[in-house]
PDB file of all heavy atoms in Angstrom:
ATOM      1  N   GLY A   1      90.494 103.367 122.691  1.00  0.00           N
ATOM      2  CA  GLY A   1      89.171 102.993 122.176  1.00  0.00           C
ATOM      3  C   GLY A   1      88.428 104.120 121.415  1.00  0.00           C
ATOM      4  O   GLY A   1      87.201 103.932 121.094  1.00  0.00           O
ATOM      5  N   GLY A   2      89.028 105.212 121.227  1.00  0.00           N
ATOM      6  CA  GLY A   2      88.455 106.305 120.585  1.00  0.00           C
ATOM      7  C   GLY A   2      89.338 107.178 119.764  1.00  0.00           C
ATOM      8  O   GLY A   2      90.604 106.988 119.691  1.00  0.00           O
ATOM      9  N   LEU A   3      88.859 108.214 119.112  1.00  0.00           N
ATOM     10  CA  LEU A   3      89.719 109.036 118.276  1.00  0.00           C
ATOM     11  C   LEU A   3      90.715 109.809 119.122  1.00  0.00           C
ATOM     12  O   LEU A   3      90.482 110.302 120.260  1.00  0.00           O
ATOM     13  CB  LEU A   3      88.828 110.170 117.524  1.00  0.00           C
ATOM     14  CG  LEU A   3      87.797 109.594 116.581  1.00  0.00           C
ATOM     15  CD1 LEU A   3      86.853 110.750 116.093  1.00  0.00           C
ATOM     16  CD2 LEU A   3      88.567 108.873 115.424  1.00  0.00           C
ATOM     17  N   GLY A   4      91.847 109.937 118.484  1.00  0.00           N
ATOM     18  CA  GLY A   4      92.927 110.645 119.185  1.00  0.00           C
ATOM     19  C   GLY A   4      93.199 111.998 118.413  1.00  0.00           C
ATOM     20  O   GLY A   4      92.267 112.692 118.089  1.00  0.00           O
ATOM     21  N   GLU A   5      94.510 112.233 118.155  1.00  0.00           N
ATOM     22  CA  GLU A   5      94.825 113.491 117.392  1.00  0.00           C
ATOM     23  C   GLU A   5      94.332 113.339 115.924  1.00  0.00           C
ATOM     24  O   GLU A   5      94.130 112.305 115.391  1.00  0.00           O
ATOM     25  CB  GLU A   5      96.246 113.696 117.461  1.00  0.00           C
ATOM     26  CG  GLU A   5      96.835 113.959 118.894  1.00  0.00           C
ATOM     27  CD  GLU A   5      98.274 114.057 118.972  1.00  0.00           C
ATOM     28  OE1 GLU A   5      98.797 115.161 118.347  1.00  0.00           O
ATOM     29  OE2 GLU A   5      99.020 113.300 119.539  1.00  0.00           O
ATOM     30  N   ASP A   6      94.268 114.557 115.325  1.00  0.00           N
ATOM     31  CA  ASP A   6      93.709 114.649 113.863  1.00  0.00           C
ATOM     32  C   ASP A   6      94.694 113.873 113.039  1.00  0.00           C
ATOM     33  O   ASP A   6      95.956 114.166 113.041  1.00  0.00           O
ATOM     34  CB  ASP A   6      93.563 116.067 113.555  1.00  0.00           C
ATOM     35  CG  ASP A   6      92.757 116.199 112.207  1.00  0.00           C
ATOM     36  OD1 ASP A   6      93.110 115.544 111.242  1.00  0.00           O
ATOM     37  OD2 ASP A   6      91.859 117.064 112.148  1.00  0.00           O
ATOM     38  N   ARG A   7      94.255 113.009 112.139  1.00  0.00           N
ATOM     39  CA  ARG A   7      94.988 112.196 111.295  1.00  0.00           C
ATOM     40  C   ARG A   7      95.805 113.019 110.219  1.00  0.00           C
ATOM     41  O   ARG A   7      96.880 112.642 109.736  1.00  0.00           O
ATOM     42  CB  ARG A   7      94.209 111.166 110.496  1.00  0.00           C
ATOM     43  CG  ARG A   7      93.102 111.648 109.770  1.00  0.00           C
ATOM     44  CD  ARG A   7      92.163 110.656 109.189  1.00  0.00           C
ATOM     45  NE  ARG A   7      92.827 109.893 108.142  1.00  0.00           N
ATOM     46  CZ  ARG A   7      92.434 108.671 107.673  1.00  0.00           C
ATOM     47  NH1 ARG A   7      91.413 108.101 108.213  1.00  0.00           N
ATOM     48  NH2 ARG A   7      93.041 108.040 106.687  1.00  0.00           N
ATOM     49  N   SER A   8      95.252 114.204 110.005  1.00  0.00           N
ATOM     50  CA  SER A   8      96.061 115.185 109.118  1.00  0.00           C
ATOM     51  C   SER A   8      97.366 115.588 109.576  1.00  0.00           C
ATOM     52  O   SER A   8      98.070 116.181 108.885  1.00  0.00           O
ATOM     53  CB  SER A   8      95.167 116.341 108.782  1.00  0.00           C
ATOM     54  OG  SER A   8      95.014 117.164 109.942  1.00  0.00           O
ATOM     55  N   LEU A   9      97.553 115.384 110.892  1.00  0.00           N
ATOM     56  CA  LEU A   9      98.927 115.744 111.468  1.00  0.00           C
ATOM     57  C   LEU A   9      99.975 114.753 111.215  1.00  0.00           C
ATOM     58  O   LEU A   9     101.196 115.062 111.491  1.00  0.00           O
ATOM     59  CB  LEU A   9      98.795 115.886 113.018  1.00  0.00           C
ATOM     60  CG  LEU A   9      97.759 116.965 113.490  1.00  0.00           C
ATOM     61  CD1 LEU A   9      97.659 116.903 114.970  1.00  0.00           C
ATOM     62  CD2 LEU A   9      98.277 118.377 113.051  1.00  0.00           C
ATOM     63  N   VAL A  10      99.624 113.567 110.631  1.00  0.00           N
ATOM     64  CA  VAL A  10     100.631 112.556 110.381  1.00  0.00           C
ATOM     65  C   VAL A  10     101.294 112.825 109.031  1.00  0.00           C
ATOM     66  O   VAL A  10     100.653 112.981 108.047  1.00  0.00           O
ATOM     67  CB  VAL A  10      99.965 111.182 110.340  1.00  0.00           C
ATOM     68  CG1 VAL A  10     100.907 109.993 110.106  1.00  0.00           C
ATOM     69  CG2 VAL A  10      99.171 110.847 111.625  1.00  0.00           C
ATOM     70  N   ASP A  11     102.654 112.929 109.074  1.00  0.00           N
ATOM     71  CA  ASP A  11     103.477 113.022 107.918  1.00  0.00           C
ATOM     72  C   ASP A  11     103.830 111.662 107.358  1.00  0.00           C
ATOM     73  O   ASP A  11     104.614 110.943 107.974  1.00  0.00           O
ATOM     74  CB  ASP A  11     104.674 113.905 108.235  1.00  0.00           C
ATOM     75  CG  ASP A  11     105.536 114.054 106.949  1.00  0.00           C
ATOM     76  OD1 ASP A  11     105.116 113.736 105.900  1.00  0.00           O
ATOM     77  OD2 ASP A  11     106.697 114.644 107.143  1.00  0.00           O
ATOM     78  N   MET A  12     103.227 111.192 106.302  1.00  0.00           N
ATOM     79  CA  MET A  12     103.459 110.004 105.687  1.00  0.00           C
ATOM     80  C   MET A  12     104.477 109.972 104.556  1.00  0.00           C
ATOM     81  O   MET A  12     104.715 108.923 103.834  1.00  0.00           O
ATOM     82  CB  MET A  12     102.209 109.333 105.192  1.00  0.00           C
ATOM     83  CG  MET A  12     101.139 109.101 106.241  1.00  0.00           C
ATOM     84  SD  MET A  12     101.562 107.724 107.316  1.00  0.00           S
ATOM     85  CE  MET A  12     101.334 106.380 106.254  1.00  0.00           C
ATOM     86  N   THR A  13     105.213 111.083 104.302  1.00  0.00           N
ATOM     87  CA  THR A  13     106.124 111.208 103.233  1.00  0.00           C
ATOM     88  C   THR A  13     107.460 110.510 103.431  1.00  0.00           C
ATOM     89  O   THR A  13     108.137 110.191 102.535  1.00  0.00           O
ATOM     90  CB  THR A  13     106.406 112.709 102.842  1.00  0.00           C
ATOM     91  OG1 THR A  13     106.884 113.412 104.016  1.00  0.00           O
ATOM     92  CG2 THR A  13     105.091 113.312 102.365  1.00  0.00           C
ATOM     93  N   PRO A  14     107.978 110.404 104.646  1.00  0.00           N
ATOM     94  CA  PRO A  14     109.336 109.718 104.854  1.00  0.00           C
ATOM     95  C   PRO A  14     109.322 108.362 104.360  1.00  0.00           C
ATOM     96  O   PRO A  14     108.230 107.619 104.427  1.00  0.00           O
ATOM     97  CB  PRO A  14     109.501 109.824 106.365  1.00  0.00           C
ATOM     98  CG  PRO A  14     108.654 110.879 106.840  1.00  0.00           C
ATOM     99  CD  PRO A  14     107.397 111.030 106.037  1.00  0.00           C
ATOM    100  N   ARG A  15     110.466 107.847 103.965  1.00  0.00           N
ATOM    101  CA  ARG A  15     110.512 106.428 103.563  1.00  0.00           C
ATOM    102  C   ARG A  15     110.120 105.491 104.748  1.00  0.00           C
ATOM    103  O   ARG A  15     109.519 104.453 104.472  1.00  0.00           O
ATOM    104  CB  ARG A  15     111.987 106.092 103.159  1.00  0.00           C
ATOM    105  CG  ARG A  15     112.316 104.772 102.829  1.00  0.00           C
ATOM    106  CD  ARG A  15     111.871 104.241 101.519  1.00  0.00           C
ATOM    107  NE  ARG A  15     111.950 102.752 101.350  1.00  0.00           N
ATOM    108  CZ  ARG A  15     112.061 102.114 100.223  1.00  0.00           C
ATOM    109  NH1 ARG A  15     112.209 102.897  99.077  1.00  0.00           N
ATOM    110  NH2 ARG A  15     112.127 100.827 100.161  1.00  0.00           N
ATOM    111  N   GLU A  16     110.673 105.846 105.914  1.00  0.00           N
ATOM    112  CA  GLU A  16     110.289 104.903 106.976  1.00  0.00           C
ATOM    113  C   GLU A  16     109.063 105.335 107.694  1.00  0.00           C
ATOM    114  O   GLU A  16     108.903 106.463 108.122  1.00  0.00           O
ATOM    115  CB  GLU A  16     111.455 104.964 108.014  1.00  0.00           C
ATOM    116  CG  GLU A  16     111.308 103.992 109.142  1.00  0.00           C
ATOM    117  CD  GLU A  16     112.521 103.888 110.000  1.00  0.00           C
ATOM    118  OE1 GLU A  16     113.684 103.518 109.502  1.00  0.00           O
ATOM    119  OE2 GLU A  16     112.569 104.374 111.189  1.00  0.00           O
ATOM    120  N   THR A  17     108.119 104.411 107.836  1.00  0.00           N
ATOM    121  CA  THR A  17     106.834 104.588 108.526  1.00  0.00           C
ATOM    122  C   THR A  17     106.819 103.762 109.879  1.00  0.00           C
ATOM    123  O   THR A  17     107.103 102.526 109.825  1.00  0.00           O
ATOM    124  CB  THR A  17     105.640 104.206 107.618  1.00  0.00           C
ATOM    125  OG1 THR A  17     105.635 104.918 106.464  1.00  0.00           O
ATOM    126  CG2 THR A  17     104.300 104.318 108.421  1.00  0.00           C
ATOM    127  N   ARG A  18     106.521 104.367 110.968  1.00  0.00           N
ATOM    128  CA  ARG A  18     106.510 103.795 112.249  1.00  0.00           C
ATOM    129  C   ARG A  18     105.105 103.714 112.821  1.00  0.00           C
ATOM    130  O   ARG A  18     104.445 104.738 112.985  1.00  0.00           O
ATOM    131  CB  ARG A  18     107.434 104.375 113.274  1.00  0.00           C
ATOM    132  CG  ARG A  18     108.868 104.182 112.859  1.00  0.00           C
ATOM    133  CD  ARG A  18     109.779 104.481 114.067  1.00  0.00           C
ATOM    134  NE  ARG A  18     111.145 104.048 113.712  1.00  0.00           N
ATOM    135  CZ  ARG A  18     111.700 102.759 114.014  1.00  0.00           C
ATOM    136  NH1 ARG A  18     110.901 101.878 114.728  1.00  0.00           N
ATOM    137  NH2 ARG A  18     112.860 102.406 113.767  1.00  0.00           N
ATOM    138  N   ILE A  19     104.592 102.420 112.996  1.00  0.00           N
ATOM    139  CA  ILE A  19     103.232 102.192 113.582  1.00  0.00           C
ATOM    140  C   ILE A  19     103.472 101.582 114.931  1.00  0.00           C
ATOM    141  O   ILE A  19     104.034 100.512 114.996  1.00  0.00           O
ATOM    142  CB  ILE A  19     102.355 101.291 112.656  1.00  0.00           C
ATOM    143  CG1 ILE A  19     102.230 101.909 111.262  1.00  0.00           C
ATOM    144  CG2 ILE A  19     101.002 101.017 113.299  1.00  0.00           C
ATOM    145  CD1 ILE A  19     101.518 101.117 110.362  1.00  0.00           C
ATOM    146  N   ASP A  20     103.103 102.347 115.976  1.00  0.00           N
ATOM    147  CA  ASP A  20     103.258 101.868 117.384  1.00  0.00           C
ATOM    148  C   ASP A  20     101.963 101.600 117.972  1.00  0.00           C
ATOM    149  O   ASP A  20     100.929 102.344 117.931  1.00  0.00           O
ATOM    150  CB  ASP A  20     103.954 102.969 118.145  1.00  0.00           C
ATOM    151  CG  ASP A  20     105.330 103.263 117.696  1.00  0.00           C
ATOM    152  OD1 ASP A  20     106.125 102.322 117.451  1.00  0.00           O
ATOM    153  OD2 ASP A  20     105.676 104.484 117.476  1.00  0.00           O
ATOM    154  N   ILE A  21     101.721 100.336 118.451  1.00  0.00           N
ATOM    155  CA  ILE A  21     100.492  99.861 119.056  1.00  0.00           C
ATOM    156  C   ILE A  21     100.748  99.539 120.479  1.00  0.00           C
ATOM    157  O   ILE A  21     101.463  98.612 120.770  1.00  0.00           O
ATOM    158  CB  ILE A  21     100.054  98.518 118.321  1.00  0.00           C
ATOM    159  CG1 ILE A  21      99.876  98.865 116.741  1.00  0.00           C
ATOM    160  CG2 ILE A  21      98.711  98.157 118.851  1.00  0.00           C
ATOM    161  CD1 ILE A  21      99.720  97.551 115.874  1.00  0.00           C
ATOM    162  N   ALA A  22     100.103 100.241 121.343  1.00  0.00           N
ATOM    163  CA  ALA A  22     100.264 100.090 122.826  1.00  0.00           C
ATOM    164  C   ALA A  22      99.018  99.265 123.229  1.00  0.00           C
ATOM    165  O   ALA A  22      97.843  99.721 123.313  1.00  0.00           O
ATOM    166  CB  ALA A  22     100.360 101.377 123.576  1.00  0.00           C
ATOM    167  N   LEU A  23      99.129  98.061 123.781  1.00  0.00           N
ATOM    168  CA  LEU A  23      98.102  97.241 124.235  1.00  0.00           C
ATOM    169  C   LEU A  23      97.700  97.454 125.684  1.00  0.00           C
ATOM    170  O   LEU A  23      96.511  97.143 126.054  1.00  0.00           O
ATOM    171  CB  LEU A  23      98.436  95.779 124.115  1.00  0.00           C
ATOM    172  CG  LEU A  23      98.837  95.255 122.681  1.00  0.00           C
ATOM    173  CD1 LEU A  23      99.103  93.738 122.684  1.00  0.00           C
ATOM    174  CD2 LEU A  23      97.659  95.579 121.712  1.00  0.00           C
ATOM    175  N   HIS A  24      98.662  97.991 126.453  1.00  0.00           N
ATOM    176  CA  HIS A  24      98.380  98.228 127.970  1.00  0.00           C
ATOM    177  C   HIS A  24      97.895  96.947 128.706  1.00  0.00           C
ATOM    178  O   HIS A  24      97.016  97.020 129.432  1.00  0.00           O
ATOM    179  CB  HIS A  24      97.366  99.357 128.106  1.00  0.00           C
ATOM    180  CG  HIS A  24      97.741 100.644 127.530  1.00  0.00           C
ATOM    181  ND1 HIS A  24      98.881 101.397 128.040  1.00  0.00           N
ATOM    182  CD2 HIS A  24      97.410 101.352 126.409  1.00  0.00           C
ATOM    183  CE1 HIS A  24      99.078 102.560 127.324  1.00  0.00           C
ATOM    184  NE2 HIS A  24      98.191 102.399 126.311  1.00  0.00           N
ATOM    185  N   ALA A  25      98.553  95.793 128.312  1.00  0.00           N
ATOM    186  CA  ALA A  25      98.167  94.543 129.025  1.00  0.00           C
ATOM    187  C   ALA A  25      99.316  93.904 129.606  1.00  0.00           C
ATOM    188  O   ALA A  25      99.128  92.935 130.432  1.00  0.00           O
ATOM    189  CB  ALA A  25      97.597  93.536 127.846  1.00  0.00           C
ATOM    190  N   GLY A  26     100.474  94.443 129.513  1.00  0.00           N
ATOM    191  CA  GLY A  26     101.657  93.848 130.102  1.00  0.00           C
ATOM    192  C   GLY A  26     102.862  94.709 129.819  1.00  0.00           C
ATOM    193  O   GLY A  26     102.776  95.870 129.561  1.00  0.00           O
ATOM    194  N   GLU A  27     104.034  94.112 129.861  1.00  0.00           N
ATOM    195  CA  GLU A  27     105.346  94.841 129.782  1.00  0.00           C
ATOM    196  C   GLU A  27     106.218  94.457 128.607  1.00  0.00           C
ATOM    197  O   GLU A  27     107.159  95.117 128.299  1.00  0.00           O
ATOM    198  CB  GLU A  27     106.205  94.566 131.052  1.00  0.00           C
ATOM    199  CG  GLU A  27     105.489  94.940 132.358  1.00  0.00           C
ATOM    200  CD  GLU A  27     105.173  96.412 132.409  1.00  0.00           C
ATOM    201  OE1 GLU A  27     105.976  97.249 131.864  1.00  0.00           O
ATOM    202  OE2 GLU A  27     104.203  96.822 133.056  1.00  0.00           O
ATOM    203  N   ALA A  28     105.730  93.429 127.789  1.00  0.00           N
ATOM    204  CA  ALA A  28     106.606  93.004 126.659  1.00  0.00           C
ATOM    205  C   ALA A  28     106.362  93.708 125.440  1.00  0.00           C
ATOM    206  O   ALA A  28     105.297  94.289 125.193  1.00  0.00           O
ATOM    207  CB  ALA A  28     106.379  91.461 126.468  1.00  0.00           C
ATOM    208  N   GLN A  29     107.389  93.659 124.545  1.00  0.00           N
ATOM    209  CA  GLN A  29     107.219  94.323 123.214  1.00  0.00           C
ATOM    210  C   GLN A  29     108.001  93.577 122.182  1.00  0.00           C
ATOM    211  O   GLN A  29     108.868  92.760 122.426  1.00  0.00           O
ATOM    212  CB  GLN A  29     107.715  95.771 123.344  1.00  0.00           C
ATOM    213  CG  GLN A  29     109.254  95.887 123.506  1.00  0.00           C
ATOM    214  CD  GLN A  29     109.619  97.362 123.514  1.00  0.00           C
ATOM    215  OE1 GLN A  29     109.073  98.240 124.282  1.00  0.00           O
ATOM    216  NE2 GLN A  29     110.576  97.732 122.787  1.00  0.00           N
ATOM    217  N   ALA A  30     107.688  93.876 120.892  1.00  0.00           N
ATOM    218  CA  ALA A  30     108.377  93.378 119.792  1.00  0.00           C
ATOM    219  C   ALA A  30     108.049  94.154 118.516  1.00  0.00           C
ATOM    220  O   ALA A  30     106.955  94.823 118.413  1.00  0.00           O
ATOM    221  CB  ALA A  30     107.895  91.893 119.498  1.00  0.00           C
ATOM    222  N   THR A  31     109.042  94.146 117.588  1.00  0.00           N
ATOM    223  CA  THR A  31     108.891  94.882 116.387  1.00  0.00           C
ATOM    224  C   THR A  31     109.005  93.937 115.145  1.00  0.00           C
ATOM    225  O   THR A  31     109.877  93.126 115.169  1.00  0.00           O
ATOM    226  CB  THR A  31     109.948  95.998 116.268  1.00  0.00           C
ATOM    227  OG1 THR A  31     109.788  96.920 117.354  1.00  0.00           O
ATOM    228  CG2 THR A  31     109.830  96.776 114.878  1.00  0.00           C
ATOM    229  N   VAL A  32     108.132  94.100 114.180  1.00  0.00           N
ATOM    230  CA  VAL A  32     108.185  93.344 112.928  1.00  0.00           C
ATOM    231  C   VAL A  32     108.254  94.447 111.751  1.00  0.00           C
ATOM    232  O   VAL A  32     107.486  95.426 111.803  1.00  0.00           O
ATOM    233  CB  VAL A  32     106.931  92.479 112.810  1.00  0.00           C
ATOM    234  CG1 VAL A  32     106.825  91.898 111.337  1.00  0.00           C
ATOM    235  CG2 VAL A  32     106.975  91.330 113.771  1.00  0.00           C
ATOM    236  N   TRP A  33     109.107  94.212 110.904  1.00  0.00           N
ATOM    237  CA  TRP A  33     109.315  95.068 109.727  1.00  0.00           C
ATOM    238  C   TRP A  33     108.587  94.556 108.502  1.00  0.00           C
ATOM    239  O   TRP A  33     108.552  93.311 108.331  1.00  0.00           O
ATOM    240  CB  TRP A  33     110.775  95.235 109.344  1.00  0.00           C
ATOM    241  CG  TRP A  33     111.490  96.177 110.337  1.00  0.00           C
ATOM    242  CD1 TRP A  33     112.198  95.779 111.445  1.00  0.00           C
ATOM    243  CD2 TRP A  33     111.708  97.520 110.182  1.00  0.00           C
ATOM    244  NE1 TRP A  33     112.765  96.923 112.020  1.00  0.00           N
ATOM    245  CE2 TRP A  33     112.512  97.996 111.349  1.00  0.00           C
ATOM    246  CE3 TRP A  33     111.246  98.430 109.241  1.00  0.00           C
ATOM    247  CZ2 TRP A  33     112.808  99.294 111.525  1.00  0.00           C
ATOM    248  CZ3 TRP A  33     111.680  99.833 109.424  1.00  0.00           C
ATOM    249  CH2 TRP A  33     112.401 100.153 110.512  1.00  0.00           C
ATOM    250  N   THR A  34     107.943  95.441 107.724  1.00  0.00           N
ATOM    251  CA  THR A  34     107.361  95.118 106.576  1.00  0.00           C
ATOM    252  C   THR A  34     107.446  96.288 105.598  1.00  0.00           C
ATOM    253  O   THR A  34     108.309  97.157 105.931  1.00  0.00           O
ATOM    254  CB  THR A  34     105.886  94.672 106.730  1.00  0.00           C
ATOM    255  OG1 THR A  34     105.280  94.294 105.469  1.00  0.00           O
ATOM    256  CG2 THR A  34     105.006  95.941 107.248  1.00  0.00           C
ATOM    257  N   ASN A  35     106.802  96.279 104.515  1.00  0.00           N
ATOM    258  CA  ASN A  35     106.829  97.348 103.537  1.00  0.00           C
ATOM    259  C   ASN A  35     105.540  97.596 102.889  1.00  0.00           C
ATOM    260  O   ASN A  35     104.581  96.776 103.100  1.00  0.00           O
ATOM    261  CB  ASN A  35     107.887  97.139 102.488  1.00  0.00           C
ATOM    262  CG  ASN A  35     107.807  95.741 101.813  1.00  0.00           C
ATOM    263  OD1 ASN A  35     108.382  94.793 102.345  1.00  0.00           O
ATOM    264  ND2 ASN A  35     106.972  95.720 100.756  1.00  0.00           N
ATOM    265  N   ASP A  36     105.408  98.634 102.108  1.00  0.00           N
ATOM    266  CA  ASP A  36     104.058  98.860 101.463  1.00  0.00           C
ATOM    267  C   ASP A  36     103.949  97.960 100.311  1.00  0.00           C
ATOM    268  O   ASP A  36     104.896  97.355  99.862  1.00  0.00           O
ATOM    269  CB  ASP A  36     103.906 100.365 101.177  1.00  0.00           C
ATOM    270  CG  ASP A  36     105.020 100.900 100.202  1.00  0.00           C
ATOM    271  OD1 ASP A  36     105.907 100.131  99.944  1.00  0.00           O
ATOM    272  OD2 ASP A  36     105.007 102.022  99.743  1.00  0.00           O
ATOM    273  N   LEU A  37     102.688  97.907  99.740  1.00  0.00           N
ATOM    274  CA  LEU A  37     102.377  97.197  98.501  1.00  0.00           C
ATOM    275  C   LEU A  37     102.005  98.042  97.426  1.00  0.00           C
ATOM    276  O   LEU A  37     101.133  98.899  97.426  1.00  0.00           O
ATOM    277  CB  LEU A  37     101.161  96.229  98.913  1.00  0.00           C
ATOM    278  CG  LEU A  37     100.664  95.298  97.804  1.00  0.00           C
ATOM    279  CD1 LEU A  37     101.752  94.381  97.252  1.00  0.00           C
ATOM    280  CD2 LEU A  37      99.414  94.528  98.278  1.00  0.00           C
ATOM    281  N   THR A  38     102.748  97.971  96.301  1.00  0.00           N
ATOM    282  CA  THR A  38     102.780  98.905  95.222  1.00  0.00           C
ATOM    283  C   THR A  38     102.542  98.141  93.912  1.00  0.00           C
ATOM    284  O   THR A  38     102.604  96.860  93.858  1.00  0.00           O
ATOM    285  CB  THR A  38     103.975  99.739  95.080  1.00  0.00           C
ATOM    286  OG1 THR A  38     105.059  98.873  94.666  1.00  0.00           O
ATOM    287  CG2 THR A  38     104.384 100.452  96.372  1.00  0.00           C
TER     288      THR A  38
END
């Protein structure tokens, strides 16, 4: 619910971008793939 590490530390140059969202509400998980809009 608040700020974490400095966003400037994120390297966005690789082709693959991973966005991990931890809900802390249960044990299940799933991954959906998408791409950027250019």
